[in-house]
Amino acid sequence: MSTTLCAPSRPALLDTADRIARCVQRPPIQPPPPARAATARTREERLVWADRARRIEQARQDAADTRRWHATGAGRNAIRAALWLSGRADGASGPFRPLSAIEEQHLAQVAA
C-alpha cells in the first residue's frame, strides 16, 4: 500500500486549508508605525521605547508563527495541509479560532 496521497486529494487538501485559514486564522499583529530615532532622556521615554521594542518583537514573532497556514510559499504542500487541518480539527491552540460546526462538517467531507 502506498503512503503517498492520491493526486486528486492534493488540490482538495490545499484548497480546504486555504478556505479554512481565511475563516479561522487571525491576521498577524501589526507592528507600531515607524518612529524617528531618538535618545530616551527620561524614565517615561525609556518606558515608551521599551514598550515599542516589545510590540515590534511581538509582531515579528506572530508573523513568523509556524502554526500559521500560508497560502503561498515553499512550505505549501498537501502533507503540511493535512497536518494543519488535523490540528484545526483537534482544536490545537494557535493564532486562530476553533472550527464552527459547518467548518467541521466540511473538513469531514474532504477527509472522507
PDB file of N, CA and C in Angstrom:
ATOM      1  N   MET A   1       0.851  -1.182   0.000  1.00  0.00           N
ATOM      2  CA  MET A   1       0.000   0.000   0.000  1.00  0.00           C
ATOM      3  C   MET A   1       0.895   1.243   0.000  1.00  0.00           C
ATOM      4  N   SER A   2       0.592   2.191  -0.827  1.00  0.00           N
ATOM      5  CA  SER A   2       1.373   3.411  -0.941  1.00  0.00           C
ATOM      6  C   SER A   2       0.974   4.398   0.151  1.00  0.00           C
ATOM      7  N   THR A   3       1.972   5.126   0.661  1.00  0.00           N
ATOM      8  CA  THR A   3       1.692   6.124   1.691  1.00  0.00           C
ATOM      9  C   THR A   3       1.546   7.519   1.102  1.00  0.00           C
ATOM     10  N   THR A   4       1.658   7.640  -0.223  1.00  0.00           N
ATOM     11  CA  THR A   4       1.503   8.954  -0.842  1.00  0.00           C
ATOM     12  C   THR A   4       0.031   9.272  -1.034  1.00  0.00           C
ATOM     13  N   LEU A   5      -0.268  10.533  -1.103  1.00  0.00           N
ATOM     14  CA  LEU A   5      -1.645  10.977  -1.310  1.00  0.00           C
ATOM     15  C   LEU A   5      -2.025  10.805  -2.772  1.00  0.00           C
ATOM     16  N   CYS A   6      -3.258  10.469  -3.019  1.00  0.00           N
ATOM     17  CA  CYS A   6      -3.755  10.380  -4.391  1.00  0.00           C
ATOM     18  C   CYS A   6      -3.706  11.772  -5.015  1.00  0.00           C
ATOM     19  N   ALA A   7      -3.436  11.830  -6.293  1.00  0.00           N
ATOM     20  CA  ALA A   7      -3.305  13.114  -6.978  1.00  0.00           C
ATOM     21  C   ALA A   7      -4.529  14.013  -6.805  1.00  0.00           C
ATOM     22  N   PRO A   8      -5.767  13.513  -6.914  1.00  0.00           N
ATOM     23  CA  PRO A   8      -6.924  14.402  -6.751  1.00  0.00           C
ATOM     24  C   PRO A   8      -7.071  14.966  -5.334  1.00  0.00           C
ATOM     25  N   SER A   9      -6.527  14.270  -4.331  1.00  0.00           N
ATOM     26  CA  SER A   9      -6.703  14.754  -2.962  1.00  0.00           C
ATOM     27  C   SER A   9      -5.763  15.906  -2.637  1.00  0.00           C
ATOM     28  N   ARG A  10      -4.661  16.033  -3.343  1.00  0.00           N
ATOM     29  CA  ARG A  10      -3.725  17.136  -3.064  1.00  0.00           C
ATOM     30  C   ARG A  10      -4.376  18.498  -3.268  1.00  0.00           C
ATOM     31  N   PRO A  11      -4.972  18.762  -4.434  1.00  0.00           N
ATOM     32  CA  PRO A  11      -5.624  20.078  -4.596  1.00  0.00           C
ATOM     33  C   PRO A  11      -6.761  20.294  -3.598  1.00  0.00           C
ATOM     34  N   ALA A  12      -7.491  19.236  -3.272  1.00  0.00           N
ATOM     35  CA  ALA A  12      -8.597  19.375  -2.318  1.00  0.00           C
ATOM     36  C   ALA A  12      -8.080  19.755  -0.939  1.00  0.00           C
ATOM     37  N   LEU A  13      -6.969  19.153  -0.513  1.00  0.00           N
ATOM     38  CA  LEU A  13      -6.404  19.495   0.793  1.00  0.00           C
ATOM     39  C   LEU A  13      -5.906  20.940   0.816  1.00  0.00           C
ATOM     40  N   LEU A  14      -5.193  21.326  -0.220  1.00  0.00           N
ATOM     41  CA  LEU A  14      -4.679  22.694  -0.278  1.00  0.00           C
ATOM     42  C   LEU A  14      -5.814  23.708  -0.324  1.00  0.00           C
ATOM     43  N   ASP A  15      -6.834  23.433  -1.125  1.00  0.00           N
ATOM     44  CA  ASP A  15      -7.972  24.340  -1.223  1.00  0.00           C
ATOM     45  C   ASP A  15      -8.712  24.428   0.115  1.00  0.00           C
ATOM     46  N   THR A  16      -8.894  23.297   0.776  1.00  0.00           N
ATOM     47  CA  THR A  16      -9.584  23.290   2.067  1.00  0.00           C
ATOM     48  C   THR A  16      -8.789  24.064   3.116  1.00  0.00           C
ATOM     49  N   ALA A  17      -7.478  23.855   3.147  1.00  0.00           N
ATOM     50  CA  ALA A  17      -6.641  24.598   4.100  1.00  0.00           C
ATOM     51  C   ALA A  17      -6.715  26.097   3.810  1.00  0.00           C
ATOM     52  N   ASP A  18      -6.676  26.476   2.532  1.00  0.00           N
ATOM     53  CA  ASP A  18      -6.786  27.893   2.168  1.00  0.00           C
ATOM     54  C   ASP A  18      -8.105  28.484   2.652  1.00  0.00           C
ATOM     55  N   ARG A  19      -9.193  27.766   2.378  1.00  0.00           N
ATOM     56  CA  ARG A  19     -10.522  28.273   2.738  1.00  0.00           C
ATOM     57  C   ARG A  19     -10.701  28.378   4.254  1.00  0.00           C
ATOM     58  N   ILE A  20     -10.301  27.340   4.964  1.00  0.00           N
ATOM     59  CA  ILE A  20     -10.479  27.341   6.417  1.00  0.00           C
ATOM     60  C   ILE A  20      -9.574  28.393   7.055  1.00  0.00           C
ATOM     61  N   ALA A  21      -8.357  28.520   6.550  1.00  0.00           N
ATOM     62  CA  ALA A  21      -7.445  29.528   7.109  1.00  0.00           C
ATOM     63  C   ALA A  21      -8.016  30.933   6.947  1.00  0.00           C
ATOM     64  N   ARG A  22      -8.618  31.206   5.796  1.00  0.00           N
ATOM     65  CA  ARG A  22      -9.214  32.537   5.591  1.00  0.00           C
ATOM     66  C   ARG A  22     -10.306  32.824   6.614  1.00  0.00           C
ATOM     67  N   CYS A  23     -10.989  31.792   7.064  1.00  0.00           N
ATOM     68  CA  CYS A  23     -12.099  31.979   8.006  1.00  0.00           C
ATOM     69  C   CYS A  23     -11.647  32.000   9.467  1.00  0.00           C
ATOM     70  N   VAL A  24     -10.695  31.144   9.837  1.00  0.00           N
ATOM     71  CA  VAL A  24     -10.402  30.960  11.261  1.00  0.00           C
ATOM     72  C   VAL A  24      -9.101  31.607  11.725  1.00  0.00           C
ATOM     73  N   GLN A  25      -8.186  31.894  10.815  1.00  0.00           N
ATOM     74  CA  GLN A  25      -6.877  32.424  11.222  1.00  0.00           C
ATOM     75  C   GLN A  25      -6.930  33.941  11.347  1.00  0.00           C
ATOM     76  N   ARG A  26      -6.488  34.439  12.472  1.00  0.00           N
ATOM     77  CA  ARG A  26      -6.483  35.895  12.642  1.00  0.00           C
ATOM     78  C   ARG A  26      -5.282  36.482  11.917  1.00  0.00           C
ATOM     79  N   PRO A  27      -5.396  37.722  11.468  1.00  0.00           N
ATOM     80  CA  PRO A  27      -4.255  38.349  10.798  1.00  0.00           C
ATOM     81  C   PRO A  27      -3.090  38.528  11.774  1.00  0.00           C
ATOM     82  N   PRO A  28      -1.870  38.566  11.275  1.00  0.00           N
ATOM     83  CA  PRO A  28      -0.728  38.805  12.174  1.00  0.00           C
ATOM     84  C   PRO A  28      -0.845  40.163  12.868  1.00  0.00           C
ATOM     85  N   ILE A  29      -0.297  40.235  14.047  1.00  0.00           N
ATOM     86  CA  ILE A  29      -0.257  41.502  14.790  1.00  0.00           C
ATOM     87  C   ILE A  29       0.584  42.492  13.984  1.00  0.00           C
ATOM     88  N   GLN A  30       0.085  43.692  13.839  1.00  0.00           N
ATOM     89  CA  GLN A  30       0.808  44.720  13.098  1.00  0.00           C
ATOM     90  C   GLN A  30       1.810  45.427  14.006  1.00  0.00           C
ATOM     91  N   PRO A  31       3.024  45.660  13.502  1.00  0.00           N
ATOM     92  CA  PRO A  31       3.981  46.415  14.321  1.00  0.00           C
ATOM     93  C   PRO A  31       3.549  47.873  14.413  1.00  0.00           C
ATOM     94  N   PRO A  32       4.060  48.582  15.404  1.00  0.00           N
ATOM     95  CA  PRO A  32       3.714  50.002  15.503  1.00  0.00           C
ATOM     96  C   PRO A  32       4.272  50.761  14.298  1.00  0.00           C
ATOM     97  N   PRO A  33       3.703  51.904  13.993  1.00  0.00           N
ATOM     98  CA  PRO A  33       4.201  52.677  12.845  1.00  0.00           C
ATOM     99  C   PRO A  33       5.643  53.130  13.086  1.00  0.00           C
ATOM    100  N   PRO A  34       6.382  53.368  12.010  1.00  0.00           N
ATOM    101  CA  PRO A  34       7.771  53.813  12.171  1.00  0.00           C
ATOM    102  C   PRO A  34       7.843  55.118  12.978  1.00  0.00           C
ATOM    103  N   ALA A  35       8.913  55.237  13.723  1.00  0.00           N
ATOM    104  CA  ALA A  35       9.120  56.445  14.519  1.00  0.00           C
ATOM    105  C   ALA A  35      10.549  56.937  14.309  1.00  0.00           C
ATOM    106  N   ARG A  36      10.717  58.186  14.469  1.00  0.00           N
ATOM    107  CA  ARG A  36      12.045  58.774  14.317  1.00  0.00           C
ATOM    108  C   ARG A  36      12.940  58.307  15.464  1.00  0.00           C
ATOM    109  N   ALA A  37      14.159  57.949  15.139  1.00  0.00           N
ATOM    110  CA  ALA A  37      15.098  57.530  16.173  1.00  0.00           C
ATOM    111  C   ALA A  37      15.398  58.711  17.093  1.00  0.00           C
ATOM    112  N   ALA A  38      15.461  58.421  18.360  1.00  0.00           N
ATOM    113  CA  ALA A  38      15.757  59.466  19.336  1.00  0.00           C
ATOM    114  C   ALA A  38      16.389  58.811  20.559  1.00  0.00           C
ATOM    115  N   THR A  39      16.989  59.591  21.361  1.00  0.00           N
ATOM    116  CA  THR A  39      17.579  59.105  22.607  1.00  0.00           C
ATOM    117  C   THR A  39      16.575  59.358  23.723  1.00  0.00           C
ATOM    118  N   ALA A  40      16.298  58.317  24.477  1.00  0.00           N
ATOM    119  CA  ALA A  40      15.372  58.467  25.603  1.00  0.00           C
ATOM    120  C   ALA A  40      16.101  59.179  26.739  1.00  0.00           C
ATOM    121  N   ARG A  41      15.585  60.309  27.123  1.00  0.00           N
ATOM    122  CA  ARG A  41      16.244  61.109  28.150  1.00  0.00           C
ATOM    123  C   ARG A  41      15.592  60.955  29.520  1.00  0.00           C
ATOM    124  N   THR A  42      14.330  60.568  29.532  1.00  0.00           N
ATOM    125  CA  THR A  42      13.635  60.441  30.815  1.00  0.00           C
ATOM    126  C   THR A  42      13.176  58.996  31.002  1.00  0.00           C
ATOM    127  N   ARG A  43      12.780  58.711  32.212  1.00  0.00           N
ATOM    128  CA  ARG A  43      12.270  57.361  32.515  1.00  0.00           C
ATOM    129  C   ARG A  43      11.044  57.046  31.658  1.00  0.00           C
ATOM    130  N   GLU A  44      10.155  58.022  31.502  1.00  0.00           N
ATOM    131  CA  GLU A  44       8.947  57.823  30.708  1.00  0.00           C
ATOM    132  C   GLU A  44       9.298  57.507  29.249  1.00  0.00           C
ATOM    133  N   GLU A  45      10.271  58.234  28.708  1.00  0.00           N
ATOM    134  CA  GLU A  45      10.681  57.967  27.323  1.00  0.00           C
ATOM    135  C   GLU A  45      11.295  56.575  27.192  1.00  0.00           C
ATOM    136  N   ARG A  46      12.079  56.168  28.190  1.00  0.00           N
ATOM    137  CA  ARG A  46      12.665  54.809  28.157  1.00  0.00           C
ATOM    138  C   ARG A  46      11.563  53.752  28.193  1.00  0.00           C
ATOM    139  N   LEU A  47      10.529  53.985  28.998  1.00  0.00           N
ATOM    140  CA  LEU A  47       9.414  53.035  29.066  1.00  0.00           C
ATOM    141  C   LEU A  47       8.671  52.959  27.734  1.00  0.00           C
ATOM    142  N   VAL A  48       8.483  54.115  27.113  1.00  0.00           N
ATOM    143  CA  VAL A  48       7.797  54.148  25.808  1.00  0.00           C
ATOM    144  C   VAL A  48       8.611  53.383  24.771  1.00  0.00           C
ATOM    145  N   TRP A  49       9.929  53.616  24.726  1.00  0.00           N
ATOM    146  CA  TRP A  49      10.776  52.930  23.739  1.00  0.00           C
ATOM    147  C   TRP A  49      10.866  51.433  24.032  1.00  0.00           C
ATOM    148  N   ALA A  50      10.893  51.059  25.299  1.00  0.00           N
ATOM    149  CA  ALA A  50      10.927  49.641  25.661  1.00  0.00           C
ATOM    150  C   ALA A  50       9.624  48.963  25.240  1.00  0.00           C
ATOM    151  N   ASP A  51       8.508  49.647  25.464  1.00  0.00           N
ATOM    152  CA  ASP A  51       7.216  49.089  25.046  1.00  0.00           C
ATOM    153  C   ASP A  51       7.150  48.963  23.522  1.00  0.00           C
ATOM    154  N   ARG A  52       7.666  49.956  22.833  1.00  0.00           N
ATOM    155  CA  ARG A  52       7.686  49.916  21.370  1.00  0.00           C
ATOM    156  C   ARG A  52       8.519  48.736  20.871  1.00  0.00           C
ATOM    157  N   ALA A  53       9.678  48.534  21.469  1.00  0.00           N
ATOM    158  CA  ALA A  53      10.537  47.405  21.086  1.00  0.00           C
ATOM    159  C   ALA A  53       9.827  46.079  21.357  1.00  0.00           C
ATOM    160  N   ARG A  54       9.124  45.996  22.472  1.00  0.00           N
ATOM    161  CA  ARG A  54       8.374  44.775  22.804  1.00  0.00           C
ATOM    162  C   ARG A  54       7.286  44.510  21.770  1.00  0.00           C
ATOM    163  N   ARG A  55       6.565  45.565  21.362  1.00  0.00           N
ATOM    164  CA  ARG A  55       5.494  45.392  20.375  1.00  0.00           C
ATOM    165  C   ARG A  55       6.046  45.009  19.008  1.00  0.00           C
ATOM    166  N   ILE A  56       7.186  45.550  18.624  1.00  0.00           N
ATOM    167  CA  ILE A  56       7.815  45.182  17.354  1.00  0.00           C
ATOM    168  C   ILE A  56       8.216  43.706  17.386  1.00  0.00           C
ATOM    169  N   GLU A  57       8.822  43.266  18.484  1.00  0.00           N
ATOM    170  CA  GLU A  57       9.235  41.857  18.601  1.00  0.00           C
ATOM    171  C   GLU A  57       8.026  40.934  18.623  1.00  0.00           C
ATOM    172  N   GLN A  58       6.970  41.321  19.307  1.00  0.00           N
ATOM    173  CA  GLN A  58       5.756  40.511  19.350  1.00  0.00           C
ATOM    174  C   GLN A  58       5.148  40.363  17.952  1.00  0.00           C
ATOM    175  N   ALA A  59       5.122  41.432  17.178  1.00  0.00           N
ATOM    176  CA  ALA A  59       4.595  41.388  15.817  1.00  0.00           C
ATOM    177  C   ALA A  59       5.465  40.494  14.939  1.00  0.00           C
ATOM    178  N   ARG A  60       6.788  40.567  15.102  1.00  0.00           N
ATOM    179  CA  ARG A  60       7.698  39.734  14.321  1.00  0.00           C
ATOM    180  C   ARG A  60       7.479  38.256  14.630  1.00  0.00           C
ATOM    181  N   GLN A  61       7.380  37.927  15.911  1.00  0.00           N
ATOM    182  CA  GLN A  61       7.164  36.533  16.307  1.00  0.00           C
ATOM    183  C   GLN A  61       5.810  36.020  15.832  1.00  0.00           C
ATOM    184  N   ASP A  62       4.796  36.853  15.914  1.00  0.00           N
ATOM    185  CA  ASP A  62       3.458  36.441  15.487  1.00  0.00           C
ATOM    186  C   ASP A  62       3.425  36.160  13.986  1.00  0.00           C
ATOM    187  N   ALA A  63       4.072  37.012  13.201  1.00  0.00           N
ATOM    188  CA  ALA A  63       4.102  36.803  11.754  1.00  0.00           C
ATOM    189  C   ALA A  63       4.873  35.537  11.386  1.00  0.00           C
ATOM    190  N   ALA A  64       5.877  35.179  12.193  1.00  0.00           N
ATOM    191  CA  ALA A  64       6.704  34.002  11.912  1.00  0.00           C
ATOM    192  C   ALA A  64       6.172  32.738  12.580  1.00  0.00           C
ATOM    193  N   ASP A  65       5.032  32.804  13.242  1.00  0.00           N
ATOM    194  CA  ASP A  65       4.465  31.649  13.947  1.00  0.00           C
ATOM    195  C   ASP A  65       4.299  30.472  12.984  1.00  0.00           C
ATOM    196  N   THR A  66       4.942  29.350  13.286  1.00  0.00           N
ATOM    197  CA  THR A  66       4.898  28.186  12.393  1.00  0.00           C
ATOM    198  C   THR A  66       3.533  27.505  12.387  1.00  0.00           C
ATOM    199  N   ARG A  67       2.652  27.873  13.297  1.00  0.00           N
ATOM    200  CA  ARG A  67       1.310  27.284  13.305  1.00  0.00           C
ATOM    201  C   ARG A  67       0.378  27.948  12.303  1.00  0.00           C
ATOM    202  N   ARG A  68       0.840  29.018  11.685  1.00  0.00           N
ATOM    203  CA  ARG A  68       0.025  29.712  10.675  1.00  0.00           C
ATOM    204  C   ARG A  68       0.019  28.938   9.366  1.00  0.00           C
ATOM    205  N   TRP A  69      -1.114  28.996   8.664  1.00  0.00           N
ATOM    206  CA  TRP A  69      -1.189  28.459   7.305  1.00  0.00           C
ATOM    207  C   TRP A  69      -0.877  29.593   6.351  1.00  0.00           C
ATOM    208  N   HIS A  70       0.042  29.346   5.430  1.00  0.00           N
ATOM    209  CA  HIS A  70       0.414  30.348   4.427  1.00  0.00           C
ATOM    210  C   HIS A  70      -0.085  29.880   3.070  1.00  0.00           C
ATOM    211  N   ALA A  71      -0.872  30.700   2.411  1.00  0.00           N
ATOM    212  CA  ALA A  71      -1.457  30.331   1.123  1.00  0.00           C
ATOM    213  C   ALA A  71      -0.422  30.333   0.008  1.00  0.00           C
ATOM    214  N   THR A  72       0.744  30.858   0.263  1.00  0.00           N
ATOM    215  CA  THR A  72       1.823  30.848  -0.722  1.00  0.00           C
ATOM    216  C   THR A  72       3.115  30.488  -0.007  1.00  0.00           C
ATOM    217  N   GLY A  73       4.122  30.107  -0.768  1.00  0.00           N
ATOM    218  CA  GLY A  73       5.434  29.867  -0.184  1.00  0.00           C
ATOM    219  C   GLY A  73       5.919  28.442  -0.350  1.00  0.00           C
ATOM    220  N   ALA A  74       7.139  28.236   0.073  1.00  0.00           N
ATOM    221  CA  ALA A  74       7.817  26.949  -0.129  1.00  0.00           C
ATOM    222  C   ALA A  74       7.227  25.828   0.721  1.00  0.00           C
ATOM    223  N   GLY A  75       6.698  26.124   1.901  1.00  0.00           N
ATOM    224  CA  GLY A  75       6.183  25.084   2.784  1.00  0.00           C
ATOM    225  C   GLY A  75       4.780  24.621   2.447  1.00  0.00           C
ATOM    226  N   ARG A  76       4.239  25.071   1.364  1.00  0.00           N
ATOM    227  CA  ARG A  76       2.858  24.765   0.989  1.00  0.00           C
ATOM    228  C   ARG A  76       2.818  23.441   0.232  1.00  0.00           C
ATOM    229  N   ASN A  77       2.363  22.394   0.901  1.00  0.00           N
ATOM    230  CA  ASN A  77       2.208  21.097   0.251  1.00  0.00           C
ATOM    231  C   ASN A  77       1.063  20.341   0.913  1.00  0.00           C
ATOM    232  N   ALA A  78       0.652  19.251   0.302  1.00  0.00           N
ATOM    233  CA  ALA A  78      -0.520  18.511   0.773  1.00  0.00           C
ATOM    234  C   ALA A  78      -0.296  17.898   2.155  1.00  0.00           C
ATOM    235  N   ILE A  79       0.907  17.443   2.432  1.00  0.00           N
ATOM    236  CA  ILE A  79       1.165  16.838   3.744  1.00  0.00           C
ATOM    237  C   ILE A  79       1.053  17.895   4.841  1.00  0.00           C
ATOM    238  N   ARG A  80       1.642  19.056   4.613  1.00  0.00           N
ATOM    239  CA  ARG A  80       1.534  20.137   5.604  1.00  0.00           C
ATOM    240  C   ARG A  80       0.084  20.583   5.751  1.00  0.00           C
ATOM    241  N   ALA A  81      -0.650  20.632   4.644  1.00  0.00           N
ATOM    242  CA  ALA A  81      -2.070  20.995   4.708  1.00  0.00           C
ATOM    243  C   ALA A  81      -2.842  19.987   5.551  1.00  0.00           C
ATOM    244  N   ALA A  82      -2.573  18.696   5.348  1.00  0.00           N
ATOM    245  CA  ALA A  82      -3.266  17.654   6.121  1.00  0.00           C
ATOM    246  C   ALA A  82      -2.946  17.782   7.610  1.00  0.00           C
ATOM    247  N   LEU A  83      -1.683  18.041   7.937  1.00  0.00           N
ATOM    248  CA  LEU A  83      -1.301  18.204   9.343  1.00  0.00           C
ATOM    249  C   LEU A  83      -1.935  19.453   9.950  1.00  0.00           C
ATOM    250  N   TRP A  84      -1.940  20.551   9.185  1.00  0.00           N
ATOM    251  CA  TRP A  84      -2.542  21.787   9.682  1.00  0.00           C
ATOM    252  C   TRP A  84      -4.040  21.593   9.910  1.00  0.00           C
ATOM    253  N   LEU A  85      -4.715  20.956   8.952  1.00  0.00           N
ATOM    254  CA  LEU A  85      -6.154  20.716   9.098  1.00  0.00           C
ATOM    255  C   LEU A  85      -6.436  19.768  10.265  1.00  0.00           C
ATOM    256  N   SER A  86      -5.578  18.789  10.468  1.00  0.00           N
ATOM    257  CA  SER A  86      -5.736  17.880  11.602  1.00  0.00           C
ATOM    258  C   SER A  86      -5.644  18.651  12.917  1.00  0.00           C
ATOM    259  N   GLY A  87      -4.714  19.583  12.986  1.00  0.00           N
ATOM    260  CA  GLY A  87      -4.606  20.420  14.184  1.00  0.00           C
ATOM    261  C   GLY A  87      -5.851  21.247  14.424  1.00  0.00           C
ATOM    262  N   ARG A  88      -6.449  21.771  13.343  1.00  0.00           N
ATOM    263  CA  ARG A  88      -7.684  22.543  13.493  1.00  0.00           C
ATOM    264  C   ARG A  88      -8.801  21.635  13.980  1.00  0.00           C
ATOM    265  N   ALA A  89      -8.888  20.430  13.423  1.00  0.00           N
ATOM    266  CA  ALA A  89      -9.949  19.501  13.834  1.00  0.00           C
ATOM    267  C   ALA A  89      -9.780  19.080  15.294  1.00  0.00           C
ATOM    268  N   ASP A  90      -8.523  18.972  15.747  1.00  0.00           N
ATOM    269  CA  ASP A  90      -8.248  18.570  17.129  1.00  0.00           C
ATOM    270  C   ASP A  90      -8.354  19.734  18.114  1.00  0.00           C
ATOM    271  N   GLY A  91      -8.499  20.951  17.607  1.00  0.00           N
ATOM    272  CA  GLY A  91      -8.626  22.117  18.479  1.00  0.00           C
ATOM    273  C   GLY A  91      -7.302  22.613  19.035  1.00  0.00           C
ATOM    274  N   ALA A  92      -6.200  22.334  18.335  1.00  0.00           N
ATOM    275  CA  ALA A  92      -4.883  22.802  18.794  1.00  0.00           C
ATOM    276  C   ALA A  92      -4.865  24.329  18.895  1.00  0.00           C
ATOM    277  N   SER A  93      -4.102  24.826  19.849  1.00  0.00           N
ATOM    278  CA  SER A  93      -4.049  26.277  20.050  1.00  0.00           C
ATOM    279  C   SER A  93      -3.200  26.938  18.976  1.00  0.00           C
ATOM    280  N   GLY A  94      -3.422  28.215  18.800  1.00  0.00           N
ATOM    281  CA  GLY A  94      -2.660  28.965  17.820  1.00  0.00           C
ATOM    282  C   GLY A  94      -3.350  30.257  17.462  1.00  0.00           C
ATOM    283  N   PRO A  95      -2.884  30.899  16.400  1.00  0.00           N
ATOM    284  CA  PRO A  95      -3.457  32.190  16.008  1.00  0.00           C
ATOM    285  C   PRO A  95      -4.735  32.038  15.188  1.00  0.00           C
ATOM    286  N   PHE A  96      -5.686  31.297  15.719  1.00  0.00           N
ATOM    287  CA  PHE A  96      -6.950  31.055  15.029  1.00  0.00           C
ATOM    288  C   PHE A  96      -8.016  30.722  16.053  1.00  0.00           C
ATOM    289  N   ARG A  97      -9.262  30.819  15.612  1.00  0.00           N
ATOM    290  CA  ARG A  97     -10.379  30.456  16.481  1.00  0.00           C
ATOM    291  C   ARG A  97     -10.733  28.986  16.227  1.00  0.00           C
ATOM    292  N   PRO A  98     -11.506  28.365  17.118  1.00  0.00           N
ATOM    293  CA  PRO A  98     -11.941  26.987  16.878  1.00  0.00           C
ATOM    294  C   PRO A  98     -12.848  26.899  15.652  1.00  0.00           C
ATOM    295  N   LEU A  99     -12.907  25.720  15.052  1.00  0.00           N
ATOM    296  CA  LEU A  99     -13.774  25.499  13.892  1.00  0.00           C
ATOM    297  C   LEU A  99     -15.236  25.539  14.305  1.00  0.00           C
ATOM    298  N   SER A 100     -16.075  26.075  13.438  1.00  0.00           N
ATOM    299  CA  SER A 100     -17.521  26.032  13.660  1.00  0.00           C
ATOM    300  C   SER A 100     -18.027  24.648  13.261  1.00  0.00           C
ATOM    301  N   ALA A 101     -19.261  24.360  13.573  1.00  0.00           N
ATOM    302  CA  ALA A 101     -19.843  23.058  13.218  1.00  0.00           C
ATOM    303  C   ALA A 101     -19.858  22.870  11.697  1.00  0.00           C
ATOM    304  N   ILE A 102     -20.162  23.923  10.960  1.00  0.00           N
ATOM    305  CA  ILE A 102     -20.194  23.840   9.493  1.00  0.00           C
ATOM    306  C   ILE A 102     -18.798  23.573   8.947  1.00  0.00           C
ATOM    307  N   GLU A 103     -17.792  24.247   9.511  1.00  0.00           N
ATOM    308  CA  GLU A 103     -16.415  24.031   9.066  1.00  0.00           C
ATOM    309  C   GLU A 103     -15.954  22.611   9.386  1.00  0.00           C
ATOM    310  N   GLU A 104     -16.363  22.091  10.548  1.00  0.00           N
ATOM    311  CA  GLU A 104     -16.023  20.708  10.901  1.00  0.00           C
ATOM    312  C   GLU A 104     -16.668  19.728   9.922  1.00  0.00           C
ATOM    313  N   GLN A 105     -17.921  19.971   9.548  1.00  0.00           N
ATOM    314  CA  GLN A 105     -18.601  19.099   8.582  1.00  0.00           C
ATOM    315  C   GLN A 105     -17.908  19.145   7.225  1.00  0.00           C
ATOM    316  N   HIS A 106     -17.525  20.324   6.778  1.00  0.00           N
ATOM    317  CA  HIS A 106     -16.824  20.459   5.503  1.00  0.00           C
ATOM    318  C   HIS A 106     -15.501  19.699   5.554  1.00  0.00           C
ATOM    319  N   LEU A 107     -14.780  19.839   6.623  1.00  0.00           N
ATOM    320  CA  LEU A 107     -13.496  19.138   6.785  1.00  0.00           C
ATOM    321  C   LEU A 107     -13.698  17.620   6.792  1.00  0.00           C
ATOM    322  N   ALA A 108     -14.737  17.152   7.431  1.00  0.00           N
ATOM    323  CA  ALA A 108     -15.033  15.719   7.443  1.00  0.00           C
ATOM    324  C   ALA A 108     -15.360  15.207   6.043  1.00  0.00           C
ATOM    325  N   GLN A 109     -16.067  16.010   5.261  1.00  0.00           N
ATOM    326  CA  GLN A 109     -16.392  15.613   3.875  1.00  0.00           C
ATOM    327  C   GLN A 109     -15.143  15.510   3.024  1.00  0.00           C
ATOM    328  N   VAL A 110     -14.229  16.453   3.182  1.00  0.00           N
ATOM    329  CA  VAL A 110     -12.984  16.434   2.404  1.00  0.00           C
ATOM    330  C   VAL A 110     -12.121  15.253   2.821  1.00  0.00           C
ATOM    331  N   ALA A 111     -12.123  14.948   4.135  1.00  0.00           N
ATOM    332  CA  ALA A 111     -11.302  13.854   4.646  1.00  0.00           C
ATOM    333  C   ALA A 111     -11.838  12.484   4.242  1.00  0.00           C
ATOM    334  N   ALA A 112     -13.126  12.412   3.945  1.00  0.00           N
ATOM    335  CA  ALA A 112     -13.725  11.106   3.618  1.00  0.00           C
ATOM    336  C   ALA A 112     -13.326  10.571   2.262  1.00  0.00           C
TER     337      ALA A 112
END
